[in-house]
Amino acid sequence: VQLQASGGGLVQSGGSLRLSCAASGRTLASYSMGWFRQAPGKEREFVTNISWGSGGRKYYVDSVKGRFTISRDNAKNTVYLQMNNLKPEDTAVYYCAAARNEYDSNVYFPKDFDSWGQGTQVTVSS
């Protein structure tokens, strides 16, 4: 599957952005999806995931809880990340990823995913 992430940009602290991750080559409905981010000089960090199917199960890292919302539209084969109240520490390249195995909701580590988007830069100014 090919994943294309978009929607990044430069925003002031407290602002919002909506990232999109469009897939081609495979239907995503039976795969959990995730978003990771990587800041300069740091390792890639898990941000959030959404379970396969209707996406009824979601998990967020503590630092983004209450500010970020992941969702999916299986008809459009697309996953979204709505980011509100952005902070300078959210500055990073954001990557979407598709789970390695179908019907697996326990996906939190890079090894659990086998398809990655190219990344989209999010920069939050103070």
Protein backbone atom coordinates (compact mmCIF):
# COMPACT_ATOMS: atom_id res chain seq x y z
CA VAL A 1 0.00 0.00 0.00
CA GLN A 2 1.12 3.55 -0.69
CA LEU A 3 0.35 6.21 1.88
CA GLN A 4 0.35 9.91 1.11
CA ALA A 5 0.35 12.28 4.07
CA SER A 6 -0.59 15.92 3.70
CA GLY A 7 -1.84 18.90 5.65
CA GLY A 8 1.24 19.97 7.53
CA GLY A 9 2.40 23.55 7.76
CA LEU A 10 3.41 26.43 9.96
CA VAL A 11 0.99 27.50 12.67
CA GLN A 12 1.14 29.64 15.77
CA SER A 13 0.91 28.18 19.23
CA GLY A 14 -2.73 27.45 20.01
CA GLY A 15 -3.62 26.94 16.37
CA SER A 16 -4.98 23.91 14.57
CA LEU A 17 -4.06 21.68 11.66
CA ARG A 18 -5.70 18.67 10.08
CA LEU A 19 -3.46 16.01 8.61
CA SER A 20 -4.70 13.54 6.03
CA CYS A 21 -3.30 10.18 5.02
CA ALA A 22 -4.66 8.80 1.76
CA ALA A 23 -4.00 5.22 0.79
CA SER A 24 -3.78 3.53 -2.57
CA GLY A 25 -3.10 -0.03 -3.59
CA ARG A 26 -4.93 -1.62 -0.67
CA THR A 27 -8.19 -1.17 1.16
CA LEU A 28 -7.47 0.04 4.66
CA ALA A 29 -10.73 -0.99 6.30
CA SER A 30 -9.31 -4.16 7.83
CA TYR A 31 -6.11 -2.49 9.07
CA SER A 32 -5.49 -0.38 12.13
CA MET A 33 -3.72 2.88 11.39
CA GLY A 34 -1.34 5.04 13.32
CA TRP A 35 0.39 8.39 13.40
CA PHE A 36 3.97 8.86 14.55
CA ARG A 37 6.15 11.96 14.72
CA GLN A 38 9.85 12.65 14.72
CA ALA A 39 11.42 15.86 15.95
CA PRO A 40 14.98 16.83 14.98
CA GLY A 41 17.52 14.80 16.90
CA LYS A 42 14.88 12.56 18.44
CA GLU A 43 13.56 9.09 17.78
CA ARG A 44 10.28 8.47 16.03
CA GLU A 45 7.49 8.71 18.60
CA PHE A 46 4.09 7.03 18.60
CA VAL A 47 1.25 9.57 18.73
CA THR A 48 -2.04 7.76 18.21
CA ASN A 49 -3.73 4.80 16.60
CA ILE A 50 -7.21 3.84 15.46
CA SER A 51 -8.56 0.33 15.22
CA TRP A 52 -9.57 -1.36 11.99
CA GLY A 53 -13.16 -1.32 10.76
CA SER A 54 -15.24 1.48 12.16
CA GLY A 55 -12.36 2.76 14.27
CA GLY A 56 -14.13 2.40 17.56
CA ARG A 57 -10.94 1.98 19.54
CA LYS A 58 -8.43 4.79 19.70
CA TYR A 59 -5.33 5.36 21.77
CA TYR A 60 -3.39 8.57 22.32
CA VAL A 61 -0.06 9.29 23.92
CA ASP A 62 -0.54 11.39 27.06
CA SER A 63 1.04 14.52 25.61
CA VAL A 64 -1.69 14.87 22.95
CA LYS A 65 -4.76 13.62 24.80
CA GLY A 66 -7.61 16.11 24.64
CA ARG A 67 -5.94 18.02 21.80
CA PHE A 68 -5.57 15.51 18.94
CA THR A 69 -8.28 13.38 17.37
CA ILE A 70 -7.72 10.52 14.97
CA SER A 71 -10.48 9.39 12.62
CA ARG A 72 -10.92 7.34 9.50
CA ASP A 73 -13.14 7.31 6.44
CA ASN A 74 -12.97 3.87 4.92
CA ALA A 75 -15.03 4.91 1.91
CA LYS A 76 -12.28 7.39 1.07
CA ASN A 77 -9.48 5.08 2.22
CA THR A 78 -8.20 7.97 4.30
CA VAL A 79 -7.17 8.57 7.90
CA TYR A 80 -7.13 11.98 9.55
CA LEU A 81 -5.42 13.62 12.47
CA GLN A 82 -7.10 16.74 13.80
CA MET A 83 -4.64 18.68 15.93
CA ASN A 84 -5.94 21.50 18.11
CA ASN A 85 -4.28 23.78 20.64
CA LEU A 86 -0.90 23.05 19.09
CA LYS A 87 2.22 23.67 21.11
CA PRO A 88 5.83 24.31 20.03
CA GLU A 89 6.75 20.86 21.35
CA ASP A 90 4.43 19.35 18.73
CA THR A 91 6.85 20.49 16.03
CA ALA A 92 7.96 17.43 14.09
CA VAL A 93 7.59 15.48 10.88
CA TYR A 94 4.38 13.48 11.15
CA TYR A 95 4.10 10.04 9.58
CA CYS A 96 1.03 7.91 9.02
CA ALA A 97 1.36 4.16 8.99
CA ALA A 98 -0.73 1.07 8.25
CA ALA A 99 -0.59 -1.97 10.51
CA ARG A 100 1.33 -5.01 9.39
CA ASN A 101 -1.48 -7.47 10.10
CA GLU A 102 -5.18 -7.33 9.43
CA TYR A 103 -7.60 -7.15 12.36
CA ASP A 104 -4.82 -6.28 14.81
CA SER A 105 -5.68 -3.37 17.11
CA ASN A 106 -2.65 -3.70 19.40
CA VAL A 107 -0.34 -1.57 17.32
CA TYR A 108 1.88 0.92 19.09
CA PHE A 109 5.46 0.39 17.91
CA PRO A 110 7.07 0.98 14.51
CA LYS A 111 7.54 -2.79 14.12
CA ASP A 112 3.75 -3.21 14.21
CA PHE A 113 3.41 -1.24 10.97
CA ASP A 114 4.72 -2.09 7.52
CA SER A 115 3.56 0.78 5.33
CA TRP A 116 4.56 4.39 5.94
CA GLY A 117 3.71 7.70 4.40
CA GLN A 118 6.42 10.10 3.37
CA GLY A 119 5.88 12.45 6.29
CA THR A 120 4.51 15.96 6.53
CA GLN A 121 6.19 18.78 8.46
CA VAL A 122 4.33 20.47 11.29
CA THR A 123 5.95 23.56 12.76
CA VAL A 124 4.42 25.40 15.69
CA SER A 125 5.80 28.81 16.53
CA SER A 126 5.62 30.29 20.00
